[in-house]
Each structure stands twice: as structure tokens, then as C-alpha cells.
Amino acid sequence: MILYGARGQAKVIYDLILSNNHLLEYLVDDNPPESFPHHLPIYKPTPELLRNKKMIIAIGDNRIREKIYLQIKDLCKFETMQHNSAYVSRFAEIGEGTVIMPQVCINAEVKIGKHCIINTAAVIEHECLLEDFVHISPKASLAGNIIIRKGAHVGLDANIIQGVTVGRNAVIGAGAVVLHDVPDNAVVVGNPARILRINE
């Protein structure tokens, strides 16, 4: 297996890979750092290094992760991986390239799209829908029947009540308590959450 990305998120996913008794062959990065733990090799990406490899895109930024996916999607085979301490219902659906970190809880009839990051100790309750390239930060909690649209980011320790829809590329600030739908591209903060701005 290989990782695309060789910085903070890659270090976390490398640990996840080891916890599943897989081996990491090497990493690729457009701007490689000088080193990576355990002296694993890092290269600039080329088709030869990517072709037919099992891959996880180890980049936290949703838009960059999607951009890389679009560039390499015809070369690689994307892996889905979860930590052995995570609970994922047998009735949940998890898309390719998604990673599920330690102590996560994903309950029945949750549907999670491609290349999402479900970070440490997040809780996703029944019948939630997360579209592609979503990032759920550590200890965030989603009540039942929530929709998180493509590219949205739910911040550290945020809470979203049942039935809410979070729009495309929206950002939920750390610790926010979201009681109402969030528009596309909005940044919301506070308790109760309010719109801080709408990104271009």
C-alpha cells in the first residue's frame, strides 16, 4: 500500500495501516518533506509510482483531497480502512478511500461516501448520510438523520442535532452546536451556531 501525502494526516493514517497489519511501501507528495517516521521513502508522484497501487489519499483538506483524486483516479485502487477499536454497524455503508479512526462509532444505516475522514472518537448516529470528501473532526457528534453534503468539514467537538442538513463545502466550527440547516459554503460557529460568513 502507498499514501498520497506525507505530513500530519499521513502520520495518523500510517498508524492506522499498521494497526491493521498492513505494510506501507512508500509515500508520494507533490512537495515532499525531508523525512517521514521509520525512514519510509517519499517520492514525487509519477504514473509509474501510482499505477495499480493500493492507495489512501492522506490529506486532511477536503478540496485538495478531491483534486488529487480526480488527477489519479484512473491509476490507483483506493482502499477503505478502519481502526480495530472503531465500531461500524454491519448495516452501515462505507465508500472507497474512506478512513475511520480509533474509537469512532458509526451506527445503523449510516451511508458514508468516498474519501471521507472520520476522525478519532467521532459519533455518527443512525441513518446519517455523508457525501464524498467530508471530514468529521475528533469527538464531533452527529445525531440521527443528518445529511452532510460533499466537501463539508465538521470541526472538533461540534454537535449537530437530528434532521439537520449541512451544505456543500460548509465548515462547522469547533465546539459549535448546530440546530438548523447550514447553507452551502457557510462557516458557522458558536452555541447555538450562527453564520460567521459565506465563503466564495
Foldseek 3Di string as FASTA:
>chain_A
DEEEDADDLVLQVCVQCVLVVHDYQAYEYCDDDPAHPPRGHYYHDDLVVAAAEEYAHRDLQLVVSVVVCVVCVVGYFFAEGEHPQEAADPQEAEEGNEYHYHLEYHDHQEYAYHNEYHDANEYEDPNEYEYPSEYEYHLEYEYPQEYEYAREYEDANEYEYHPEYEEHNEYEYHPEYEDHHHYHQFYWYDVPTDTPDRDD
